[in-house]
Amino acid sequence: MRTSYEIGLRLMQRGHQLDVYRLSTYADKGPFDLAQHGATTHVTPYRPLWGTLDARFRAGHLAPRSYTLFGPLRRVHRRVAAQISAGGYDAVLVHPDAMIYAPYALRWITGAPTVYYCQEPPRVTAEFAVREQHRRNLASSPYGVGLARTLEDNLVIGRLVDEDAGSAGHATLIAVNSIYSRERAWAAYARNAVVCYLGIDPELFRPPAQQPSRRREVLVVGSPAGAKNHELVIEALGRLPAVARPALRMVTPRPGGAAALAKLATANAVELIVDVSLSEEALVERYQLALATVCASRLEPFGLTAIESMACATPVVAIREAGFRESVTDGVTGVLVDPEPAALADGIGGLVADSGTVAAMGKAGREDVIARWTWDRTVSQVERILESARSG
């Protein structure tokens, strides 16, 4: 949602006419609604089974997925594709569908080139850890529902991956958010993709006018906690001497998983502070005052957290893999470490003990963001990609 909003807003600011097409399922975009900035918005109803699933959809529940992700969704995407094809557009920038990854509409859009901005192909079949967590989530439903959901999932996952690849294969061009994601797109689609890095707003994510004393804490951001690997951060902090151990502040959009993390933190004598549903301004303040931001998620395609922290002049300690290898310059804007508690503890401990390095890396991180990681640079690249799709 953030990506499509930031790119769309800046395309309009550069004089492009923008029409937005989306389904009623996710029609409420809140502050990320481009209609408030003048975009013409076309909302197509998606109400399978005559609207009897509307309440479940609004709550984010898509069951029965073996039905809702396929036949009815294909049909509504075909209607959307017909509307777009009749619009006389110069190009169509297609973002992932929250239900099906690559939108079915890619198969039927005619009259204009399409660019599919793929944030990541489905990870659930390619990564064992993701698949097992997905199945545990399904199985956790009570009263036998978990078993039914797990059995249904056996019918869904393989087909979902095939449909995603089939739709992505119809895009004129595929854009991705990192070199790592380009590799994953080749593995999933056997298609070359062009890298278009994401960005941040450096006027929003910025250092304080005068740097106050930093809190003796490190920061983690995002959910679910398991996918973000916050457990590893707690285990790493528990290895530091008590006199040198910072607190851990977790910023999350929802409280799920906090109880289990609190139990683990207590076992490791780590002070855990949980902030839920912060405003952007409050999130910026958390970045500004932390000693470091820790990014421990495995195989993160890109990750905005690292560059948001760098923009606020706070260094990053990140796992040395996937997208973090591209956004964090080891020893300059942060520290890259192996995905082990001891290595992560060393990375965090080195910054906790050296305020001069924290300041120097923070300054370098801010400079790097201004040079490489802004939405304006992203949108300039998007314009070049769309023009390349037009010219063939």
Protein backbone atom coordinates (compact mmCIF):
# COMPACT_ATOMS: atom_id res chain seq x y z
CA MET A 1 0.00 0.00 0.00
CA ARG A 2 2.79 2.41 0.94
CA THR A 3 4.69 1.72 -2.28
CA SER A 4 1.74 2.23 -4.64
CA TYR A 5 0.75 5.40 -2.79
CA GLU A 6 4.19 7.02 -2.79
CA ILE A 7 4.85 6.21 -6.43
CA GLY A 8 1.38 7.28 -7.58
CA LEU A 9 1.52 10.55 -5.65
CA ARG A 10 4.86 11.54 -7.12
CA LEU A 11 3.84 10.56 -10.65
CA MET A 12 0.90 12.96 -10.33
CA GLN A 13 3.15 15.67 -8.91
CA ARG A 14 5.28 15.29 -12.05
CA GLY A 15 2.28 15.95 -14.28
CA HIS A 16 1.17 12.42 -15.15
CA GLN A 17 -2.54 11.65 -15.31
CA LEU A 18 -3.24 8.75 -12.97
CA ASP A 19 -6.24 6.45 -12.82
CA VAL A 20 -6.41 3.87 -10.04
CA TYR A 21 -8.20 0.51 -10.34
CA ARG A 22 -8.85 -1.65 -7.29
CA LEU A 23 -11.35 -4.09 -5.82
CA SER A 24 -13.93 -3.27 -3.16
CA THR A 25 -12.31 -5.82 -0.83
CA TYR A 26 -9.54 -3.39 0.01
CA ALA A 27 -11.19 -0.15 -1.06
CA ASP A 28 -10.53 1.75 2.18
CA LYS A 29 -6.93 2.97 1.92
CA GLY A 30 -7.12 5.48 4.77
CA PRO A 31 -4.27 8.02 4.52
CA PHE A 32 -2.86 6.15 1.51
CA ASP A 33 -5.84 6.90 -0.73
CA LEU A 34 -4.68 8.64 -3.90
CA ALA A 35 -8.22 9.90 -4.55
CA GLN A 36 -7.61 12.64 -1.98
CA HIS A 37 -4.86 13.94 -4.25
CA GLY A 38 -6.98 13.95 -7.40
CA ALA A 39 -6.51 10.47 -8.83
CA THR A 40 -9.54 9.08 -10.61
CA THR A 41 -10.40 5.88 -8.74
CA HIS A 42 -12.36 2.95 -10.16
CA VAL A 43 -13.58 0.46 -7.53
CA THR A 44 -14.91 -2.85 -8.84
CA PRO A 45 -17.09 -4.86 -6.44
CA TYR A 46 -15.75 -8.23 -5.38
CA ARG A 47 -18.53 -9.96 -3.43
CA PRO A 48 -18.41 -13.73 -3.97
CA LEU A 49 -21.37 -15.82 -2.82
CA TRP A 50 -23.67 -12.81 -3.20
CA GLY A 51 -21.92 -10.79 -0.52
CA THR A 52 -22.21 -13.36 2.26
CA LEU A 53 -18.43 -13.19 2.80
CA ASP A 54 -18.22 -9.38 2.99
CA ALA A 55 -17.75 -9.20 6.76
CA ARG A 56 -15.07 -11.87 6.69
CA PHE A 57 -13.22 -10.08 3.89
CA ARG A 58 -13.25 -6.81 5.82
CA ALA A 59 -11.63 -8.66 8.73
CA GLY A 60 -8.95 -10.09 6.42
CA HIS A 61 -10.35 -13.65 6.33
CA LEU A 62 -10.46 -15.10 2.81
CA ALA A 63 -11.80 -18.60 3.55
CA PRO A 64 -12.75 -20.66 1.71
CA ARG A 65 -9.55 -19.79 -0.18
CA SER A 66 -9.98 -22.71 -2.57
CA TYR A 67 -12.96 -20.73 -3.90
CA THR A 68 -12.30 -17.04 -3.26
CA LEU A 69 -8.78 -16.95 -4.74
CA PHE A 70 -9.64 -18.54 -8.06
CA GLY A 71 -12.83 -18.65 -10.13
CA PRO A 72 -14.67 -15.57 -8.80
CA LEU A 73 -11.46 -13.55 -8.49
CA ARG A 74 -10.42 -14.39 -12.05
CA ARG A 75 -13.78 -13.21 -13.33
CA VAL A 76 -13.66 -9.88 -11.52
CA HIS A 77 -10.07 -9.29 -12.64
CA ARG A 78 -11.16 -9.93 -16.19
CA ARG A 79 -13.76 -7.17 -15.83
CA VAL A 80 -11.11 -4.82 -14.44
CA ALA A 81 -8.80 -5.68 -17.34
CA ALA A 82 -11.58 -4.81 -19.81
CA GLN A 83 -12.04 -1.40 -18.17
CA ILE A 84 -8.31 -0.71 -18.32
CA SER A 85 -8.04 -1.88 -21.91
CA ALA A 86 -10.78 0.56 -22.90
CA GLY A 87 -9.08 3.47 -21.13
CA GLY A 88 -6.59 4.42 -23.85
CA TYR A 89 -3.63 4.52 -21.43
CA ASP A 90 0.01 4.95 -22.36
CA ALA A 91 1.13 2.31 -19.83
CA VAL A 92 -0.22 0.31 -16.90
CA LEU A 93 1.74 -0.07 -13.64
CA VAL A 94 0.44 -3.16 -11.85
CA HIS A 95 1.05 -3.78 -8.15
CA PRO A 96 0.60 -7.14 -6.39
CA ASP A 97 -2.87 -8.27 -5.40
CA ALA A 98 -3.07 -8.90 -1.64
CA MET A 99 -4.89 -12.17 -2.29
CA ILE A 100 -3.14 -13.71 -5.29
CA TYR A 101 0.25 -11.93 -5.77
CA ALA A 102 0.46 -11.21 -9.53
CA PRO A 103 -3.05 -10.01 -10.52
CA TYR A 104 -5.01 -12.11 -12.98
CA ALA A 105 -5.78 -8.87 -14.83
CA LEU A 106 -2.30 -8.97 -16.39
CA ARG A 107 -3.54 -11.79 -18.64
CA TRP A 108 -6.23 -9.71 -20.33
CA ILE A 109 -5.03 -6.09 -20.44
CA THR A 110 -4.62 -5.01 -24.06
CA GLY A 111 -3.81 -1.75 -25.82
CA ALA A 112 -1.08 -0.65 -23.39
CA PRO A 113 2.15 -2.17 -22.07
CA THR A 114 2.08 -3.51 -18.52
CA VAL A 115 4.79 -3.29 -15.86
CA TYR A 116 4.32 -5.64 -12.91
CA TYR A 117 6.13 -4.27 -9.83
CA CYS A 118 6.74 -7.55 -8.01
CA GLN A 119 7.66 -7.07 -4.35
CA GLU A 120 8.26 -10.81 -3.98
CA PRO A 121 7.07 -14.05 -5.58
CA PRO A 122 5.19 -16.41 -3.24
CA ARG A 123 7.64 -17.56 -0.56
CA VAL A 124 5.41 -20.21 0.97
CA THR A 125 6.55 -22.99 -1.36
CA ALA A 126 10.14 -21.85 -1.85
CA GLU A 127 11.07 -21.42 1.84
CA PHE A 128 10.57 -24.22 4.34
CA ALA A 129 10.41 -21.91 7.38
CA VAL A 130 7.73 -19.73 5.78
CA ARG A 131 5.69 -22.78 4.79
CA GLU A 132 5.86 -24.32 8.27
CA GLN A 133 4.85 -21.07 9.97
CA HIS A 134 1.98 -20.70 7.50
CA ARG A 135 0.76 -24.20 8.35
CA ARG A 136 1.05 -23.59 12.10
CA ASN A 137 -1.08 -20.47 11.70
CA LEU A 138 -3.73 -22.43 9.83
CA ALA A 139 -3.71 -25.28 12.33
CA SER A 140 -4.15 -22.93 15.30
CA SER A 141 -7.84 -22.34 14.58
CA PRO A 142 -10.05 -24.08 17.20
CA TYR A 143 -12.87 -26.60 16.98
CA GLY A 144 -11.46 -28.62 14.10
CA VAL A 145 -11.37 -25.60 11.80
CA GLY A 146 -7.58 -25.72 11.82
CA LEU A 147 -7.55 -29.23 10.38
CA ALA A 148 -10.02 -28.24 7.67
CA ARG A 149 -7.96 -25.15 6.78
CA THR A 150 -4.77 -27.22 6.61
CA LEU A 151 -6.37 -29.80 4.33
CA GLU A 152 -7.78 -27.04 2.10
CA ASP A 153 -4.35 -25.45 1.94
CA ASN A 154 -3.03 -28.54 0.20
CA LEU A 155 -5.39 -27.71 -2.63
CA VAL A 156 -4.58 -24.00 -2.64
CA ILE A 157 -0.82 -23.45 -2.42
CA GLY A 158 0.37 -25.24 -5.52
CA ARG A 159 -2.39 -23.72 -7.62
CA LEU A 160 -1.74 -20.23 -6.20
CA VAL A 161 1.92 -20.44 -7.20
CA ASP A 162 1.02 -21.65 -10.69
CA GLU A 163 -1.54 -18.88 -11.15
CA ASP A 164 0.94 -16.27 -9.93
CA ALA A 165 3.53 -17.41 -12.45
CA GLY A 166 0.93 -17.55 -15.20
CA SER A 167 -0.18 -13.99 -14.59
CA ALA A 168 3.34 -12.60 -14.18
CA GLY A 169 4.28 -14.20 -17.48
CA HIS A 170 1.89 -11.87 -19.31
CA ALA A 171 3.51 -8.65 -18.06
CA THR A 172 5.42 -6.65 -20.67
CA LEU A 173 8.12 -5.99 -18.06
CA ILE A 174 8.68 -7.08 -14.48
CA ALA A 175 10.23 -4.68 -11.98
CA VAL A 176 11.55 -5.77 -8.58
CA ASN A 177 12.77 -4.03 -5.43
CA SER A 178 16.30 -5.45 -5.16
CA ILE A 179 18.93 -7.56 -6.87
CA TYR A 180 17.99 -10.37 -4.51
CA SER A 181 14.35 -10.08 -5.64
CA ARG A 182 15.53 -10.19 -9.26
CA GLU A 183 17.12 -13.55 -8.51
CA ARG A 184 13.93 -14.79 -6.86
CA ALA A 185 11.83 -13.55 -9.81
CA TRP A 186 14.04 -15.49 -12.22
CA ALA A 187 13.65 -18.62 -10.08
CA ALA A 188 9.85 -18.20 -9.95
CA TYR A 189 9.09 -16.95 -13.46
CA ALA A 190 12.17 -17.57 -15.64
CA ARG A 191 11.90 -13.90 -16.59
CA ASN A 192 14.51 -11.18 -16.40
CA ALA A 193 13.43 -8.26 -14.21
CA VAL A 194 14.67 -4.71 -13.81
CA VAL A 195 15.62 -3.50 -10.34
CA CYS A 196 13.71 -0.47 -9.06
CA TYR A 197 14.71 0.19 -5.47
CA LEU A 198 12.18 1.44 -2.96
CA GLY A 199 12.70 4.67 -1.05
CA ILE A 200 11.58 6.81 1.86
CA ASP A 201 10.58 10.42 2.42
CA PRO A 202 13.68 12.10 3.92
CA GLU A 203 11.58 15.03 5.12
CA LEU A 204 9.52 12.69 7.29
CA PHE A 205 12.27 10.27 8.32
CA ARG A 206 14.97 12.64 9.48
CA PRO A 207 17.38 13.21 12.36
CA PRO A 208 16.32 15.49 15.20
CA ALA A 209 17.32 19.14 14.85
CA GLN A 210 19.55 18.64 17.89
CA GLN A 211 20.51 15.11 18.82
CA PRO A 212 19.30 14.41 22.37
CA SER A 213 20.80 11.67 24.47
CA ARG A 214 19.89 8.36 22.94
CA ARG A 215 17.91 5.90 25.01
CA ARG A 216 19.78 2.82 26.13
CA GLU A 217 17.73 0.61 23.83
CA VAL A 218 17.73 -0.99 20.41
CA LEU A 219 14.71 -1.02 18.13
CA VAL A 220 12.91 -3.67 16.10
CA VAL A 221 9.99 -2.85 13.81
CA GLY A 222 7.26 -4.92 12.22
CA SER A 223 5.12 -8.02 12.51
CA PRO A 224 4.46 -10.88 12.68
CA ALA A 225 7.19 -11.33 15.25
CA GLY A 226 8.15 -14.77 13.94
CA ALA A 227 8.66 -13.57 10.38
CA LYS A 228 10.70 -10.59 11.60
CA ASN A 229 12.79 -12.94 13.78
CA HIS A 230 12.50 -10.80 16.91
CA GLU A 231 13.20 -13.94 18.96
CA LEU A 232 16.76 -13.99 17.63
CA VAL A 233 17.26 -10.40 18.78
CA ILE A 234 16.14 -11.28 22.31
CA GLU A 235 18.45 -14.28 22.40
CA ALA A 236 21.33 -12.11 21.20
CA LEU A 237 20.68 -9.42 23.81
CA GLY A 238 20.58 -12.09 26.50
CA ARG A 239 24.19 -12.96 25.66
CA LEU A 240 25.44 -9.46 26.47
CA PRO A 241 26.68 -8.72 30.00
CA ALA A 242 23.86 -7.35 32.14
CA VAL A 243 25.68 -4.05 32.72
CA ALA A 244 25.99 -3.52 28.96
CA ARG A 245 22.62 -4.93 27.88
CA PRO A 246 20.25 -2.39 26.28
CA ALA A 247 16.48 -2.69 26.42
CA LEU A 248 14.58 -3.85 23.35
CA ARG A 249 11.77 -1.71 21.99
CA MET A 250 9.40 -3.38 19.53
CA VAL A 251 7.14 -1.29 17.30
CA THR A 252 4.33 -3.34 15.81
CA PRO A 253 1.06 -2.52 14.01
CA ARG A 254 -0.78 -5.14 16.09
CA PRO A 255 -0.16 -6.86 19.43
CA GLY A 256 -0.14 -10.46 18.18
CA GLY A 257 2.87 -12.44 19.38
CA ALA A 258 3.87 -9.97 22.09
CA ALA A 259 3.02 -12.34 24.95
CA ALA A 260 5.38 -15.05 23.69
CA LEU A 261 8.14 -12.50 23.16
CA ALA A 262 7.63 -11.11 26.66
CA LYS A 263 8.05 -14.60 28.10
CA LEU A 264 11.25 -15.12 26.11
CA ALA A 265 12.54 -11.69 27.15
CA THR A 266 11.97 -12.50 30.81
CA ALA A 267 13.85 -15.79 30.44
CA ASN A 268 16.80 -13.90 28.93
CA ALA A 269 16.66 -10.98 31.41
CA VAL A 270 15.92 -8.54 28.58
CA GLU A 271 13.71 -5.52 29.15
CA LEU A 272 11.05 -5.52 26.43
CA ILE A 273 8.98 -2.43 25.59
CA VAL A 274 6.12 -2.87 23.11
CA ASP A 275 4.60 0.03 21.15
CA VAL A 276 1.48 -0.77 19.13
CA SER A 277 0.04 1.19 16.19
CA LEU A 278 2.25 4.26 16.44
CA SER A 279 1.80 7.32 14.25
CA GLU A 280 4.54 7.95 11.73
CA GLU A 281 5.79 10.88 13.79
CA ALA A 282 6.08 8.67 16.88
CA LEU A 283 7.88 5.99 14.86
CA VAL A 284 10.40 8.58 13.67
CA GLU A 285 11.03 9.56 17.30
CA ARG A 286 11.70 5.91 18.20
CA TYR A 287 14.24 5.66 15.38
CA GLN A 288 15.93 8.90 16.39
CA LEU A 289 16.47 7.90 20.02
CA ALA A 290 17.55 4.26 19.57
CA LEU A 291 21.19 3.22 19.72
CA ALA A 292 20.57 1.02 16.70
CA THR A 293 17.79 -0.60 14.73
CA VAL A 294 18.06 -4.38 14.42
CA CYS A 295 16.80 -6.12 11.25
CA ALA A 296 16.92 -9.87 11.83
CA SER A 297 14.33 -11.21 9.38
CA ARG A 298 15.58 -13.97 7.11
CA LEU A 299 15.64 -13.54 3.33
CA GLU A 300 14.01 -10.10 3.48
CA PRO A 301 13.50 -9.03 -0.17
CA PHE A 302 14.38 -5.41 0.62
CA GLY A 303 12.93 -3.96 3.82
CA LEU A 304 12.10 -0.31 4.38
CA THR A 305 12.98 -0.46 8.09
CA ALA A 306 16.72 -0.29 7.44
CA ILE A 307 16.59 2.82 5.27
CA GLU A 308 14.01 4.51 7.51
CA SER A 309 16.42 4.09 10.42
CA MET A 310 19.39 5.31 8.38
CA ALA A 311 17.40 8.38 7.32
CA CYS A 312 16.93 9.18 11.02
CA ALA A 313 20.73 8.92 11.54
CA THR A 314 20.49 5.67 13.49
CA PRO A 315 22.76 2.78 12.42
CA VAL A 316 21.43 -0.65 11.51
CA VAL A 317 22.48 -4.11 12.63
CA ALA A 318 21.16 -6.53 10.02
CA ILE A 319 21.45 -10.12 8.90
CA ARG A 320 24.01 -10.51 6.11
CA GLU A 321 21.69 -11.85 3.46
CA ALA A 322 19.06 -10.96 0.86
CA GLY A 323 18.06 -7.30 0.54
CA PHE A 324 19.97 -6.07 3.60
CA ARG A 325 23.23 -6.66 1.75
CA GLU A 326 22.14 -3.97 -0.71
CA SER A 327 20.71 -1.36 1.67
CA VAL A 328 23.25 -1.53 4.53
CA THR A 329 26.94 -0.82 3.86
CA ASP A 330 28.83 -2.93 6.38
CA GLY A 331 31.06 -0.85 8.64
CA VAL A 332 29.79 2.41 7.16
CA THR A 333 26.03 2.79 7.67
CA GLY A 334 25.63 -0.24 9.91
CA VAL A 335 26.83 -3.73 10.70
CA LEU A 336 26.03 -6.92 8.78
CA VAL A 337 26.23 -10.14 10.78
CA ASP A 338 25.61 -13.85 10.41
CA PRO A 339 22.15 -15.07 11.51
CA GLU A 340 23.37 -16.46 14.83
CA PRO A 341 22.76 -15.12 18.36
CA ALA A 342 26.48 -14.74 19.11
CA ALA A 343 27.19 -12.80 15.90
CA LEU A 344 24.17 -10.57 16.40
CA ALA A 345 25.18 -9.96 20.02
CA ASP A 346 28.65 -8.90 18.89
CA GLY A 347 27.19 -6.49 16.35
CA ILE A 348 24.82 -4.89 18.83
CA GLY A 349 27.36 -4.86 21.64
CA GLY A 350 29.95 -3.09 19.53
CA LEU A 351 27.60 -0.17 18.92
CA VAL A 352 26.30 -0.04 22.49
CA ALA A 353 29.88 0.38 23.70
CA ASP A 354 30.92 3.07 21.20
CA SER A 355 28.82 6.22 20.93
CA GLY A 356 31.30 7.70 18.45
CA THR A 357 30.70 4.86 16.00
CA VAL A 358 26.93 5.23 16.46
CA ALA A 359 27.18 8.92 15.57
CA ALA A 360 29.51 8.36 12.61
CA MET A 361 27.42 5.52 11.15
CA GLY A 362 24.26 7.54 11.72
CA LYS A 363 25.67 10.48 9.79
CA ALA A 364 26.86 8.22 6.96
CA GLY A 365 23.48 6.50 6.85
CA ARG A 366 21.62 9.77 6.46
CA GLU A 367 23.94 10.82 3.64
CA ASP A 368 23.49 7.46 1.92
CA VAL A 369 19.70 7.74 2.06
CA ILE A 370 19.75 11.22 0.52
CA ALA A 371 22.00 9.94 -2.26
CA ARG A 372 20.31 6.61 -3.00
CA TRP A 373 17.11 5.82 -1.14
CA THR A 374 14.42 8.45 -1.76
CA TRP A 375 11.01 8.07 -3.37
CA ASP A 376 11.99 10.71 -5.93
CA ARG A 377 14.79 8.44 -7.18
CA THR A 378 12.36 5.51 -7.21
CA VAL A 379 9.82 7.41 -9.29
CA SER A 380 12.46 8.58 -11.76
CA GLN A 381 13.32 4.91 -12.29
CA VAL A 382 9.62 4.02 -12.61
CA GLU A 383 9.27 6.63 -15.36
CA ARG A 384 12.21 5.12 -17.24
CA ILE A 385 10.78 1.62 -16.89
CA LEU A 386 7.34 2.67 -18.13
CA GLU A 387 8.90 4.45 -21.10
CA SER A 388 10.99 1.37 -21.85
CA ALA A 389 7.84 -0.76 -21.81
CA ARG A 390 6.17 1.68 -24.22
CA SER A 391 9.06 1.73 -26.63
CA GLY A 392 9.42 -2.03 -26.62
